[in-house]
Amino acid sequence: MNNTALLIIDVQQGMFAEENPVYNGTQLLANIQQLIAYARSQHIPIYYIQHTEPTGREFEKGSPAWMIHPPIAPTEADIVIEKTTPDSFHQTDLHQQLQKRNIEHLLLIGIQSDVCVDTTCRRAFSLGYKSTLVTDAHSTWGSSELTAQQIIDHHNQVLRWFANTKETKDIVFLTEGSI
């Protein structure tokens, strides 16, 4: 497990706005909490990826929407990396941070399935990381064409080309070394 890291992508307060919350947000947070507890018990480093937008935008640095959602807030031991694009690696030091710790495997969770989670998963593959997309620990919003669940299901299928796929329960109850 010492070569694995948990990446929590964009689970910020603005994603849970009362007027338009992320799909299945309560269950998403519960699954993320389980994965955080598992990571801590296994001494797996946790990286929070935090989307940051320019001044005046919803996810402006320091704004309430920008803050990591309180139930899963990072501790001092965790690493928080700000990003400005859907790709958690682009113009950040994430890759360098992971290399410093000899991380080879990533557990990918967060928001938004069809944007930042998808882009980060594909980029991790291109950079040579082995990844596991936790299929019930990422979410999004529906569109006029597809429900949020259809988008999540589609990405769970498509991203199998770039990552292993497992549910939260299959990770937190696995024996060491079998992710």
N, C-alpha and C. Protein backbone atom coordinates (compact mmCIF):
# COMPACT_ATOMS: atom_id res chain seq x y z
N MET A 1 0.80 -1.20 0.00
CA MET A 1 0.00 0.00 0.00
C MET A 1 0.84 1.26 0.00
N ASN A 2 2.12 1.15 0.31
CA ASN A 2 2.94 2.36 0.42
C ASN A 2 3.18 3.03 -0.92
N ASN A 3 2.73 2.44 -2.03
CA ASN A 3 2.87 3.11 -3.31
C ASN A 3 1.52 3.57 -3.86
N THR A 4 0.52 3.65 -2.99
CA THR A 4 -0.83 4.06 -3.37
C THR A 4 -1.16 5.40 -2.73
N ALA A 5 -1.94 6.21 -3.44
CA ALA A 5 -2.43 7.48 -2.90
C ALA A 5 -3.92 7.59 -3.23
N LEU A 6 -4.64 8.27 -2.37
CA LEU A 6 -6.06 8.57 -2.58
C LEU A 6 -6.16 10.00 -3.10
N LEU A 7 -6.77 10.19 -4.27
CA LEU A 7 -7.00 11.52 -4.85
C LEU A 7 -8.47 11.86 -4.72
N ILE A 8 -8.77 12.91 -3.98
CA ILE A 8 -10.14 13.38 -3.79
C ILE A 8 -10.28 14.64 -4.62
N ILE A 9 -11.03 14.56 -5.70
CA ILE A 9 -11.08 15.63 -6.69
C ILE A 9 -12.32 16.52 -6.49
N ASP A 10 -12.10 17.78 -6.19
CA ASP A 10 -13.13 18.84 -6.23
C ASP A 10 -14.36 18.58 -5.35
N VAL A 11 -14.21 17.98 -4.21
CA VAL A 11 -15.35 17.79 -3.31
C VAL A 11 -15.42 19.03 -2.41
N GLN A 12 -15.98 20.07 -3.00
CA GLN A 12 -16.01 21.40 -2.41
C GLN A 12 -17.45 21.81 -2.10
N GLN A 13 -17.61 22.72 -1.16
CA GLN A 13 -18.94 23.10 -0.70
C GLN A 13 -19.86 23.56 -1.82
N GLY A 14 -19.33 24.26 -2.81
CA GLY A 14 -20.16 24.74 -3.92
C GLY A 14 -20.80 23.63 -4.72
N MET A 15 -20.27 22.43 -4.65
CA MET A 15 -20.83 21.30 -5.39
C MET A 15 -22.11 20.78 -4.73
N PHE A 16 -22.37 21.23 -3.52
CA PHE A 16 -23.52 20.73 -2.76
C PHE A 16 -24.54 21.85 -2.51
N ALA A 17 -24.52 22.88 -3.37
CA ALA A 17 -25.43 24.01 -3.22
C ALA A 17 -26.87 23.52 -3.17
N GLU A 18 -27.62 24.06 -2.25
CA GLU A 18 -28.99 23.60 -2.01
C GLU A 18 -29.86 23.65 -3.27
N GLU A 19 -29.66 24.67 -4.10
CA GLU A 19 -30.51 24.82 -5.29
C GLU A 19 -30.12 23.85 -6.42
N ASN A 20 -28.92 23.30 -6.40
CA ASN A 20 -28.50 22.38 -7.47
C ASN A 20 -27.36 21.49 -6.96
N PRO A 21 -27.65 20.60 -6.01
CA PRO A 21 -26.58 19.76 -5.45
C PRO A 21 -26.15 18.66 -6.41
N VAL A 22 -24.91 18.24 -6.25
CA VAL A 22 -24.40 17.12 -7.02
C VAL A 22 -25.29 15.90 -6.76
N TYR A 23 -25.43 15.07 -7.76
CA TYR A 23 -26.29 13.87 -7.68
C TYR A 23 -25.84 12.94 -6.55
N ASN A 24 -26.81 12.51 -5.76
CA ASN A 24 -26.58 11.50 -4.71
C ASN A 24 -25.48 11.94 -3.74
N GLY A 25 -25.47 13.22 -3.41
CA GLY A 25 -24.40 13.80 -2.62
C GLY A 25 -24.22 13.20 -1.24
N THR A 26 -25.29 12.84 -0.57
CA THR A 26 -25.19 12.26 0.78
C THR A 26 -24.45 10.93 0.74
N GLN A 27 -24.83 10.07 -0.22
CA GLN A 27 -24.15 8.77 -0.34
C GLN A 27 -22.71 8.95 -0.82
N LEU A 28 -22.50 9.90 -1.70
CA LEU A 28 -21.15 10.19 -2.17
C LEU A 28 -20.25 10.54 -0.98
N LEU A 29 -20.71 11.43 -0.12
CA LEU A 29 -19.91 11.83 1.04
C LEU A 29 -19.67 10.64 1.98
N ALA A 30 -20.68 9.80 2.17
CA ALA A 30 -20.52 8.63 3.03
C ALA A 30 -19.45 7.69 2.47
N ASN A 31 -19.47 7.47 1.17
CA ASN A 31 -18.46 6.60 0.54
C ASN A 31 -17.07 7.21 0.65
N ILE A 32 -16.98 8.51 0.43
CA ILE A 32 -15.69 9.19 0.54
C ILE A 32 -15.17 9.10 1.97
N GLN A 33 -16.04 9.28 2.94
CA GLN A 33 -15.61 9.16 4.34
C GLN A 33 -15.06 7.77 4.64
N GLN A 34 -15.70 6.73 4.10
CA GLN A 34 -15.20 5.36 4.28
C GLN A 34 -13.82 5.20 3.65
N LEU A 35 -13.64 5.76 2.47
CA LEU A 35 -12.36 5.65 1.78
C LEU A 35 -11.26 6.43 2.50
N ILE A 36 -11.61 7.57 3.06
CA ILE A 36 -10.63 8.33 3.84
C ILE A 36 -10.22 7.54 5.08
N ALA A 37 -11.20 6.98 5.78
CA ALA A 37 -10.89 6.18 6.98
C ALA A 37 -10.00 4.99 6.60
N TYR A 38 -10.32 4.35 5.49
CA TYR A 38 -9.51 3.22 5.01
C TYR A 38 -8.08 3.69 4.71
N ALA A 39 -7.96 4.79 3.97
CA ALA A 39 -6.64 5.30 3.61
C ALA A 39 -5.83 5.61 4.86
N ARG A 40 -6.44 6.26 5.82
CA ARG A 40 -5.72 6.59 7.05
C ARG A 40 -5.29 5.31 7.79
N SER A 41 -6.16 4.31 7.83
CA SER A 41 -5.82 3.06 8.53
C SER A 41 -4.69 2.31 7.84
N GLN A 42 -4.54 2.51 6.54
CA GLN A 42 -3.50 1.82 5.76
C GLN A 42 -2.28 2.71 5.50
N HIS A 43 -2.28 3.90 6.08
CA HIS A 43 -1.19 4.87 5.90
C HIS A 43 -1.01 5.25 4.43
N ILE A 44 -2.13 5.35 3.74
CA ILE A 44 -2.15 5.78 2.34
C ILE A 44 -2.26 7.31 2.33
N PRO A 45 -1.34 8.01 1.68
CA PRO A 45 -1.44 9.47 1.65
C PRO A 45 -2.68 9.93 0.89
N ILE A 46 -3.22 11.04 1.37
CA ILE A 46 -4.44 11.59 0.78
C ILE A 46 -4.12 12.95 0.16
N TYR A 47 -4.51 13.09 -1.09
CA TYR A 47 -4.32 14.33 -1.84
C TYR A 47 -5.70 14.89 -2.17
N TYR A 48 -5.94 16.10 -1.72
CA TYR A 48 -7.17 16.81 -2.05
C TYR A 48 -6.87 17.72 -3.22
N ILE A 49 -7.66 17.60 -4.25
CA ILE A 49 -7.54 18.47 -5.41
C ILE A 49 -8.67 19.49 -5.30
N GLN A 50 -8.32 20.76 -5.35
CA GLN A 50 -9.28 21.84 -5.10
C GLN A 50 -9.32 22.77 -6.30
N HIS A 51 -10.48 22.83 -6.94
CA HIS A 51 -10.63 23.69 -8.11
C HIS A 51 -10.69 25.16 -7.69
N THR A 52 -9.91 25.98 -8.35
CA THR A 52 -9.83 27.41 -8.05
C THR A 52 -10.12 28.20 -9.31
N GLU A 53 -10.99 29.22 -9.17
CA GLU A 53 -11.35 30.08 -10.29
C GLU A 53 -10.89 31.51 -10.02
N PRO A 54 -10.87 32.34 -11.05
CA PRO A 54 -10.46 33.75 -10.88
C PRO A 54 -11.39 34.52 -9.94
N THR A 55 -10.91 35.65 -9.49
CA THR A 55 -11.67 36.56 -8.63
C THR A 55 -13.03 36.86 -9.26
N GLY A 56 -14.06 36.79 -8.42
CA GLY A 56 -15.41 37.08 -8.89
C GLY A 56 -16.19 35.88 -9.36
N ARG A 57 -15.55 34.74 -9.50
CA ARG A 57 -16.23 33.52 -9.93
C ARG A 57 -16.62 32.69 -8.70
N GLU A 58 -17.49 31.71 -8.89
CA GLU A 58 -18.03 30.93 -7.77
C GLU A 58 -16.95 30.27 -6.92
N PHE A 59 -15.94 29.68 -7.59
CA PHE A 59 -14.90 28.95 -6.86
C PHE A 59 -13.63 29.79 -6.67
N GLU A 60 -13.84 31.08 -6.45
CA GLU A 60 -12.73 31.98 -6.12
C GLU A 60 -12.08 31.51 -4.83
N LYS A 61 -10.76 31.55 -4.79
CA LYS A 61 -10.01 31.12 -3.61
C LYS A 61 -10.52 31.86 -2.37
N GLY A 62 -10.82 31.10 -1.33
CA GLY A 62 -11.28 31.67 -0.08
C GLY A 62 -12.79 31.80 0.05
N SER A 63 -13.51 31.67 -1.06
CA SER A 63 -14.97 31.79 -1.01
C SER A 63 -15.58 30.55 -0.34
N PRO A 64 -16.80 30.67 0.19
CA PRO A 64 -17.44 29.50 0.81
C PRO A 64 -17.56 28.31 -0.16
N ALA A 65 -17.90 28.56 -1.42
CA ALA A 65 -18.03 27.47 -2.40
C ALA A 65 -16.70 26.75 -2.63
N TRP A 66 -15.60 27.46 -2.52
CA TRP A 66 -14.26 26.93 -2.80
C TRP A 66 -13.78 25.96 -1.71
N MET A 67 -14.28 26.10 -0.51
CA MET A 67 -13.81 25.31 0.62
C MET A 67 -14.10 23.81 0.42
N ILE A 68 -13.17 22.97 0.87
CA ILE A 68 -13.40 21.53 0.87
C ILE A 68 -14.61 21.26 1.76
N HIS A 69 -15.48 20.35 1.35
CA HIS A 69 -16.70 20.08 2.11
C HIS A 69 -16.35 19.61 3.53
N PRO A 70 -16.91 20.24 4.55
CA PRO A 70 -16.50 19.97 5.93
C PRO A 70 -16.46 18.51 6.38
N PRO A 71 -17.43 17.66 6.02
CA PRO A 71 -17.35 16.28 6.53
C PRO A 71 -16.13 15.50 6.06
N ILE A 72 -15.48 15.98 5.03
CA ILE A 72 -14.29 15.27 4.52
C ILE A 72 -13.06 16.17 4.52
N ALA A 73 -13.08 17.21 5.32
CA ALA A 73 -11.99 18.20 5.33
C ALA A 73 -10.63 17.55 5.59
N PRO A 74 -9.60 18.09 4.95
CA PRO A 74 -8.25 17.53 5.14
C PRO A 74 -7.70 17.82 6.53
N THR A 75 -6.75 16.97 6.93
CA THR A 75 -6.00 17.20 8.15
C THR A 75 -4.66 17.80 7.76
N GLU A 76 -3.85 18.13 8.73
CA GLU A 76 -2.52 18.68 8.45
C GLU A 76 -1.63 17.69 7.72
N ALA A 77 -1.90 16.40 7.87
CA ALA A 77 -1.08 15.38 7.21
C ALA A 77 -1.39 15.26 5.72
N ASP A 78 -2.54 15.75 5.30
CA ASP A 78 -2.95 15.62 3.91
C ASP A 78 -2.36 16.74 3.06
N ILE A 79 -2.34 16.49 1.77
CA ILE A 79 -1.80 17.48 0.83
C ILE A 79 -2.96 18.05 0.02
N VAL A 80 -3.02 19.37 -0.08
CA VAL A 80 -4.05 20.04 -0.87
C VAL A 80 -3.37 20.70 -2.06
N ILE A 81 -3.87 20.40 -3.23
CA ILE A 81 -3.31 20.96 -4.46
C ILE A 81 -4.42 21.69 -5.20
N GLU A 82 -4.17 22.96 -5.50
CA GLU A 82 -5.13 23.75 -6.25
C GLU A 82 -4.90 23.56 -7.74
N LYS A 83 -6.01 23.54 -8.48
CA LYS A 83 -5.93 23.43 -9.94
C LYS A 83 -6.88 24.44 -10.55
N THR A 84 -6.66 24.76 -11.81
CA THR A 84 -7.52 25.73 -12.51
C THR A 84 -8.13 25.15 -13.78
N THR A 85 -7.86 23.89 -14.06
CA THR A 85 -8.40 23.23 -15.24
C THR A 85 -8.98 21.88 -14.81
N PRO A 86 -9.70 21.18 -15.68
CA PRO A 86 -10.22 19.86 -15.32
C PRO A 86 -9.13 18.81 -15.03
N ASP A 87 -7.94 19.02 -15.49
CA ASP A 87 -6.83 18.08 -15.34
C ASP A 87 -6.06 18.39 -14.05
N SER A 88 -6.14 17.48 -13.09
CA SER A 88 -5.48 17.69 -11.80
C SER A 88 -3.96 17.77 -11.91
N PHE A 89 -3.41 17.33 -13.02
CA PHE A 89 -1.96 17.37 -13.23
C PHE A 89 -1.49 18.63 -13.95
N HIS A 90 -2.36 19.22 -14.77
CA HIS A 90 -1.98 20.34 -15.62
C HIS A 90 -1.66 21.59 -14.80
N GLN A 91 -0.46 22.09 -14.95
CA GLN A 91 0.02 23.30 -14.27
C GLN A 91 -0.11 23.23 -12.75
N THR A 92 0.06 22.00 -12.21
CA THR A 92 0.13 21.79 -10.76
C THR A 92 1.39 20.98 -10.48
N ASP A 93 1.69 20.80 -9.21
CA ASP A 93 2.84 19.96 -8.87
C ASP A 93 2.41 18.56 -8.40
N LEU A 94 1.20 18.14 -8.77
CA LEU A 94 0.70 16.83 -8.34
C LEU A 94 1.64 15.70 -8.75
N HIS A 95 2.04 15.67 -10.00
CA HIS A 95 2.92 14.60 -10.48
C HIS A 95 4.23 14.58 -9.67
N GLN A 96 4.82 15.73 -9.44
CA GLN A 96 6.06 15.80 -8.67
C GLN A 96 5.85 15.34 -7.23
N GLN A 97 4.73 15.75 -6.64
CA GLN A 97 4.41 15.35 -5.27
C GLN A 97 4.27 13.82 -5.18
N LEU A 98 3.61 13.23 -6.15
CA LEU A 98 3.43 11.77 -6.16
C LEU A 98 4.76 11.06 -6.37
N GLN A 99 5.59 11.60 -7.26
CA GLN A 99 6.89 10.99 -7.51
C GLN A 99 7.79 11.03 -6.28
N LYS A 100 7.72 12.13 -5.51
CA LYS A 100 8.52 12.23 -4.29
C LYS A 100 8.23 11.09 -3.33
N ARG A 101 7.00 10.62 -3.34
CA ARG A 101 6.59 9.53 -2.44
C ARG A 101 6.59 8.18 -3.14
N ASN A 102 7.11 8.13 -4.36
CA ASN A 102 7.14 6.88 -5.14
C ASN A 102 5.76 6.27 -5.33
N ILE A 103 4.76 7.12 -5.50
CA ILE A 103 3.39 6.65 -5.72
C ILE A 103 3.28 6.11 -7.15
N GLU A 104 2.73 4.92 -7.26
CA GLU A 104 2.52 4.29 -8.56
C GLU A 104 1.05 4.02 -8.85
N HIS A 105 0.23 4.00 -7.79
CA HIS A 105 -1.18 3.64 -7.91
C HIS A 105 -2.06 4.72 -7.29
N LEU A 106 -3.12 5.09 -7.99
CA LEU A 106 -4.03 6.13 -7.51
C LEU A 106 -5.43 5.58 -7.35
N LEU A 107 -6.06 5.91 -6.23
CA LEU A 107 -7.48 5.69 -6.04
C LEU A 107 -8.16 7.00 -6.38
N LEU A 108 -9.02 7.02 -7.40
CA LEU A 108 -9.61 8.25 -7.90
C LEU A 108 -11.08 8.35 -7.49
N ILE A 109 -11.43 9.49 -6.84
CA ILE A 109 -12.80 9.74 -6.42
C ILE A 109 -13.07 11.23 -6.55
N GLY A 110 -14.35 11.61 -6.54
CA GLY A 110 -14.65 13.03 -6.50
C GLY A 110 -15.73 13.48 -7.47
N ILE A 111 -15.61 14.74 -7.85
CA ILE A 111 -16.61 15.42 -8.67
C ILE A 111 -15.87 16.14 -9.80
N GLN A 112 -16.21 16.09 -10.86
CA GLN A 112 -17.36 15.77 -11.64
C GLN A 112 -16.97 14.63 -12.56
N SER A 113 -17.76 13.58 -12.52
CA SER A 113 -17.45 12.34 -13.25
C SER A 113 -17.02 12.59 -14.68
N ASP A 114 -17.78 13.42 -15.38
CA ASP A 114 -17.59 13.62 -16.81
C ASP A 114 -16.62 14.75 -17.16
N VAL A 115 -16.04 15.38 -16.16
CA VAL A 115 -15.10 16.47 -16.45
C VAL A 115 -13.78 16.20 -15.72
N CYS A 116 -13.68 16.61 -14.48
CA CYS A 116 -12.40 16.55 -13.77
C CYS A 116 -11.98 15.13 -13.41
N VAL A 117 -12.93 14.28 -13.03
CA VAL A 117 -12.57 12.88 -12.72
C VAL A 117 -12.12 12.18 -14.00
N ASP A 118 -12.88 12.33 -15.07
CA ASP A 118 -12.52 11.73 -16.36
C ASP A 118 -11.15 12.21 -16.83
N THR A 119 -10.95 13.51 -16.86
CA THR A 119 -9.70 14.08 -17.37
C THR A 119 -8.51 13.64 -16.54
N THR A 120 -8.65 13.64 -15.21
CA THR A 120 -7.55 13.24 -14.34
C THR A 120 -7.25 11.76 -14.49
N CYS A 121 -8.27 10.94 -14.64
CA CYS A 121 -8.07 9.50 -14.85
C CYS A 121 -7.28 9.23 -16.13
N ARG A 122 -7.67 9.87 -17.20
CA ARG A 122 -6.98 9.67 -18.48
C ARG A 122 -5.54 10.18 -18.41
N ARG A 123 -5.34 11.32 -17.77
CA ARG A 123 -3.98 11.87 -17.67
C ARG A 123 -3.09 11.01 -16.79
N ALA A 124 -3.66 10.48 -15.71
CA ALA A 124 -2.89 9.57 -14.84
C ALA A 124 -2.41 8.37 -15.64
N PHE A 125 -3.26 7.83 -16.47
CA PHE A 125 -2.90 6.70 -17.33
C PHE A 125 -1.75 7.10 -18.26
N SER A 126 -1.87 8.26 -18.87
CA SER A 126 -0.83 8.72 -19.80
C SER A 126 0.50 8.95 -19.10
N LEU A 127 0.46 9.29 -17.83
CA LEU A 127 1.69 9.50 -17.06
C LEU A 127 2.25 8.20 -16.48
N GLY A 128 1.56 7.09 -16.71
CA GLY A 128 2.08 5.79 -16.26
C GLY A 128 1.58 5.30 -14.92
N TYR A 129 0.61 5.99 -14.34
CA TYR A 129 0.06 5.53 -13.06
C TYR A 129 -0.93 4.40 -13.30
N LYS A 130 -0.95 3.45 -12.39
CA LYS A 130 -2.03 2.47 -12.33
C LYS A 130 -3.09 3.12 -11.47
N SER A 131 -4.32 3.07 -11.91
CA SER A 131 -5.38 3.74 -11.16
C SER A 131 -6.54 2.81 -10.92
N THR A 132 -7.28 3.12 -9.87
CA THR A 132 -8.55 2.48 -9.58
C THR A 132 -9.58 3.59 -9.47
N LEU A 133 -10.58 3.56 -10.35
CA LEU A 133 -11.69 4.48 -10.28
C LEU A 133 -12.72 3.85 -9.36
N VAL A 134 -13.05 4.53 -8.27
CA VAL A 134 -14.03 4.00 -7.33
C VAL A 134 -15.41 4.39 -7.86
N THR A 135 -16.13 3.41 -8.39
CA THR A 135 -17.31 3.64 -9.21
C THR A 135 -18.49 4.28 -8.48
N ASP A 136 -18.53 4.14 -7.17
CA ASP A 136 -19.63 4.75 -6.41
C ASP A 136 -19.14 5.91 -5.54
N ALA A 137 -17.97 6.44 -5.88
CA ALA A 137 -17.41 7.55 -5.11
C ALA A 137 -17.03 8.71 -6.02
N HIS A 138 -17.75 8.84 -7.12
CA HIS A 138 -17.66 10.04 -7.96
C HIS A 138 -19.07 10.37 -8.44
N SER A 139 -19.30 11.63 -8.76
CA SER A 139 -20.65 12.04 -9.13
C SER A 139 -20.62 13.25 -10.06
N THR A 140 -21.82 13.64 -10.50
CA THR A 140 -21.97 14.73 -11.45
C THR A 140 -23.40 15.25 -11.40
N TRP A 141 -23.80 15.99 -12.40
CA TRP A 141 -25.16 16.48 -12.57
C TRP A 141 -25.70 15.93 -13.88
N GLY A 142 -27.01 15.78 -13.97
CA GLY A 142 -27.64 15.36 -15.22
C GLY A 142 -27.62 16.48 -16.24
N SER A 143 -27.90 16.11 -17.46
CA SER A 143 -28.00 17.08 -18.55
C SER A 143 -29.38 16.95 -19.18
N SER A 144 -29.65 17.70 -20.22
CA SER A 144 -30.94 17.58 -20.90
C SER A 144 -31.06 16.25 -21.64
N GLU A 145 -29.92 15.60 -21.91
CA GLU A 145 -29.94 14.33 -22.64
C GLU A 145 -29.81 13.10 -21.75
N LEU A 146 -29.08 13.22 -20.63
CA LEU A 146 -28.79 12.06 -19.79
C LEU A 146 -28.97 12.40 -18.31
N THR A 147 -29.41 11.41 -17.54
CA THR A 147 -29.47 11.61 -16.10
C THR A 147 -28.05 11.54 -15.54
N ALA A 148 -27.88 12.03 -14.33
CA ALA A 148 -26.57 11.95 -13.68
C ALA A 148 -26.12 10.50 -13.57
N GLN A 149 -27.05 9.60 -13.20
CA GLN A 149 -26.68 8.19 -13.06
C GLN A 149 -26.23 7.61 -14.40
N GLN A 150 -26.87 7.98 -15.48
CA GLN A 150 -26.45 7.50 -16.80
C GLN A 150 -25.05 8.00 -17.14
N ILE A 151 -24.74 9.24 -16.80
CA ILE A 151 -23.41 9.79 -17.05
C ILE A 151 -22.37 9.04 -16.22
N ILE A 152 -22.67 8.81 -14.95
CA ILE A 152 -21.76 8.06 -14.07
C ILE A 152 -21.53 6.66 -14.61
N ASP A 153 -22.61 5.98 -14.96
CA ASP A 153 -22.50 4.60 -15.49
C ASP A 153 -21.66 4.58 -16.77
N HIS A 154 -21.91 5.54 -17.64
CA HIS A 154 -21.15 5.63 -18.89
C HIS A 154 -19.65 5.80 -18.60
N HIS A 155 -19.32 6.68 -17.70
CA HIS A 155 -17.90 6.90 -17.39
C HIS A 155 -17.27 5.71 -16.68
N ASN A 156 -18.04 5.03 -15.86
CA ASN A 156 -17.51 3.81 -15.25
C ASN A 156 -17.16 2.78 -16.31
N GLN A 157 -17.94 2.73 -17.38
CA GLN A 157 -17.65 1.80 -18.48
C GLN A 157 -16.46 2.28 -19.32
N VAL A 158 -16.50 3.52 -19.76
CA VAL A 158 -15.45 4.05 -20.64
C VAL A 158 -14.09 4.09 -19.95
N LEU A 159 -14.07 4.51 -18.69
CA LEU A 159 -12.78 4.67 -18.00
C LEU A 159 -12.13 3.35 -17.62
N ARG A 160 -12.79 2.22 -17.87
CA ARG A 160 -12.16 0.91 -17.67
C ARG A 160 -10.94 0.73 -18.59
N TRP A 161 -10.89 1.52 -19.66
CA TRP A 161 -9.72 1.49 -20.55
C TRP A 161 -8.50 2.12 -19.89
N PHE A 162 -8.73 2.94 -18.87
CA PHE A 162 -7.67 3.72 -18.24
C PHE A 162 -7.43 3.36 -16.78
N ALA A 163 -8.36 2.62 -16.17
CA ALA A 163 -8.26 2.32 -14.74
C ALA A 163 -9.02 1.05 -14.41
N ASN A 164 -8.63 0.40 -13.33
CA ASN A 164 -9.47 -0.64 -12.77
C ASN A 164 -10.68 0.04 -12.18
N THR A 165 -11.78 -0.67 -12.05
CA THR A 165 -12.97 -0.10 -11.43
C THR A 165 -13.42 -0.99 -10.28
N LYS A 166 -13.70 -0.37 -9.16
CA LYS A 166 -14.18 -1.09 -7.97
C LYS A 166 -15.12 -0.18 -7.20
N GLU A 167 -16.04 -0.80 -6.45
CA GLU A 167 -16.90 -0.06 -5.55
C GLU A 167 -16.18 0.17 -4.23
N THR A 168 -16.69 1.12 -3.46
CA THR A 168 -16.10 1.43 -2.16
C THR A 168 -15.95 0.18 -1.30
N LYS A 169 -17.00 -0.62 -1.19
CA LYS A 169 -16.98 -1.81 -0.33
C LYS A 169 -15.90 -2.79 -0.76
N ASP A 170 -15.60 -2.84 -2.03
CA ASP A 170 -14.58 -3.76 -2.53
C ASP A 170 -13.16 -3.27 -2.24
N ILE A 171 -13.03 -2.03 -1.88
CA ILE A 171 -11.71 -1.49 -1.51
C ILE A 171 -11.53 -1.53 0.00
N VAL A 172 -12.50 -1.07 0.74
CA VAL A 172 -12.32 -0.96 2.19
C VAL A 172 -12.31 -2.32 2.88
N PHE A 173 -12.79 -3.36 2.20
CA PHE A 173 -12.78 -4.69 2.80
C PHE A 173 -11.78 -5.63 2.14
N LEU A 174 -10.92 -5.09 1.27
CA LEU A 174 -9.91 -5.90 0.62
C LEU A 174 -8.70 -6.11 1.54
N THR A 175 -7.98 -7.18 1.27
CA THR A 175 -6.72 -7.37 1.99
C THR A 175 -5.66 -6.53 1.30
N GLU A 176 -4.64 -6.18 2.04
CA GLU A 176 -3.57 -5.32 1.52
C GLU A 176 -2.99 -5.90 0.25
N GLY A 177 -2.74 -5.03 -0.70
CA GLY A 177 -2.06 -5.42 -1.94
C GLY A 177 -2.99 -5.88 -3.04
N SER A 178 -4.31 -5.85 -2.80
CA SER A 178 -5.20 -6.39 -3.82
C SER A 178 -6.08 -5.33 -4.50
N ILE A 179 -5.74 -4.06 -4.34
CA ILE A 179 -6.52 -3.01 -5.01
C ILE A 179 -6.30 -3.10 -6.50
